Amino acid sequence: MATIKLHEATKQFAISNKLAMQFLEKVNRPVKSHSSVITGEQLELLRDFAASPEKIKSLENEAKKG
């Protein structure tokens, strides 16, 4: 499988790098930065997350609250 960096995946899924990093940290698959190479598992998790507007909105609201 070809490697992909987080920022490349977020472009494909139309979500922010920050939001993607927060999500991956929440599911115990953290990355250090937007330029980190992600695993196939992390990519699948992000794909599922990006496909769910409810999950995105929930995490955005959580981040706003602090």
C-alpha atoms as a PDB file:
ATOM      1  CA  MET A   1       0.000   0.000   0.000  1.00  0.00           C
ATOM      2  CA  ALA A   2       1.268   3.455  -0.876  1.00  0.00           C
ATOM      3  CA  THR A   3       1.891   5.852   1.968  1.00  0.00           C
ATOM      4  CA  ILE A   4      -0.117   9.032   2.376  1.00  0.00           C
ATOM      5  CA  LYS A   5       0.409  12.036   4.595  1.00  0.00           C
ATOM      6  CA  LEU A   6      -2.335  13.341   6.813  1.00  0.00           C
ATOM      7  CA  HIS A   7      -2.660  16.639   4.950  1.00  0.00           C
ATOM      8  CA  GLU A   8      -3.142  14.774   1.648  1.00  0.00           C
ATOM      9  CA  ALA A   9      -5.917  12.664   3.160  1.00  0.00           C
ATOM     10  CA  THR A  10      -7.676  15.687   4.648  1.00  0.00           C
ATOM     11  CA  LYS A  11      -7.696  17.361   1.231  1.00  0.00           C
ATOM     12  CA  GLN A  12      -9.407  14.300  -0.242  1.00  0.00           C
ATOM     13  CA  PHE A  13     -11.989  14.185   2.542  1.00  0.00           C
ATOM     14  CA  ALA A  14     -12.518  17.972   2.756  1.00  0.00           C
ATOM     15  CA  ILE A  15     -11.832  18.231   6.482  1.00  0.00           C
ATOM     16  CA  SER A  16      -9.246  20.326   8.310  1.00  0.00           C
ATOM     17  CA  ASN A  17      -5.912  18.964   9.456  1.00  0.00           C
ATOM     18  CA  LYS A  18      -6.668  20.108  12.994  1.00  0.00           C
ATOM     19  CA  LEU A  19     -10.007  18.318  13.082  1.00  0.00           C
ATOM     20  CA  ALA A  20      -8.460  15.141  11.681  1.00  0.00           C
ATOM     21  CA  MET A  21      -5.686  15.229  14.283  1.00  0.00           C
ATOM     22  CA  GLN A  22      -8.238  15.738  17.081  1.00  0.00           C
ATOM     23  CA  PHE A  23     -10.291  12.812  15.813  1.00  0.00           C
ATOM     24  CA  LEU A  24      -7.297  10.485  15.556  1.00  0.00           C
ATOM     25  CA  GLU A  25      -6.206  11.432  19.067  1.00  0.00           C
ATOM     26  CA  LYS A  26      -9.718  10.745  20.353  1.00  0.00           C
ATOM     27  CA  VAL A  27      -9.684   7.214  18.861  1.00  0.00           C
ATOM     28  CA  ASN A  28      -6.188   6.547  20.259  1.00  0.00           C
ATOM     29  CA  ARG A  29      -4.414   6.711  16.894  1.00  0.00           C
ATOM     30  CA  PRO A  30      -2.631  10.089  17.274  1.00  0.00           C
ATOM     31  CA  VAL A  31      -0.256  11.676  14.791  1.00  0.00           C
ATOM     32  CA  LYS A  32       2.390  14.291  15.548  1.00  0.00           C
ATOM     33  CA  SER A  33       1.665  16.734  12.740  1.00  0.00           C
ATOM     34  CA  HIS A  34      -0.206  17.340   9.518  1.00  0.00           C
ATOM     35  CA  SER A  35       2.788  16.034   7.574  1.00  0.00           C
ATOM     36  CA  SER A  36       2.884  12.682   9.380  1.00  0.00           C
ATOM     37  CA  VAL A  37       2.451   9.541   7.300  1.00  0.00           C
ATOM     38  CA  ILE A  38      -0.706   7.713   8.340  1.00  0.00           C
ATOM     39  CA  THR A  39      -1.464   4.008   8.339  1.00  0.00           C
ATOM     40  CA  GLY A  40      -4.143   2.296   6.316  1.00  0.00           C
ATOM     41  CA  GLU A  41      -6.160   1.885   9.495  1.00  0.00           C
ATOM     42  CA  GLN A  42      -5.975   5.606  10.257  1.00  0.00           C
ATOM     43  CA  LEU A  43      -6.977   6.379   6.678  1.00  0.00           C
ATOM     44  CA  GLU A  44     -10.061   4.165   6.959  1.00  0.00           C
ATOM     45  CA  LEU A  45     -11.002   5.758  10.287  1.00  0.00           C
ATOM     46  CA  LEU A  46     -10.706   9.214   8.722  1.00  0.00           C
ATOM     47  CA  ARG A  47     -12.751   8.136   5.696  1.00  0.00           C
ATOM     48  CA  ASP A  48     -15.574   6.938   7.960  1.00  0.00           C
ATOM     49  CA  PHE A  49     -15.336  10.079  10.077  1.00  0.00           C
ATOM     50  CA  ALA A  50     -15.421  12.423   7.065  1.00  0.00           C
ATOM     51  CA  ALA A  51     -18.474  10.625   5.689  1.00  0.00           C
ATOM     52  CA  SER A  52     -20.471  11.433   8.816  1.00  0.00           C
ATOM     53  CA  PRO A  53     -21.510  15.099   9.153  1.00  0.00           C
ATOM     54  CA  GLU A  54     -22.917  14.328  12.600  1.00  0.00           C
ATOM     55  CA  LYS A  55     -19.535  13.099  13.875  1.00  0.00           C
ATOM     56  CA  ILE A  56     -17.777  16.122  12.401  1.00  0.00           C
ATOM     57  CA  LYS A  57     -20.226  18.555  13.991  1.00  0.00           C
ATOM     58  CA  SER A  58     -19.989  16.770  17.336  1.00  0.00           C
ATOM     59  CA  LEU A  59     -16.182  16.949  17.394  1.00  0.00           C
ATOM     60  CA  GLU A  60     -16.217  20.609  16.290  1.00  0.00           C
ATOM     61  CA  ASN A  61     -18.600  21.454  19.136  1.00  0.00           C
ATOM     62  CA  GLU A  62     -16.447  19.491  21.571  1.00  0.00           C
ATOM     63  CA  ALA A  63     -13.359  21.415  20.467  1.00  0.00           C
ATOM     64  CA  LYS A  64     -15.138  24.764  20.899  1.00  0.00           C
ATOM     65  CA  LYS A  65     -16.055  23.911  24.474  1.00  0.00           C
ATOM     66  CA  GLY A  66     -12.428  23.233  25.252  1.00  0.00           C
END
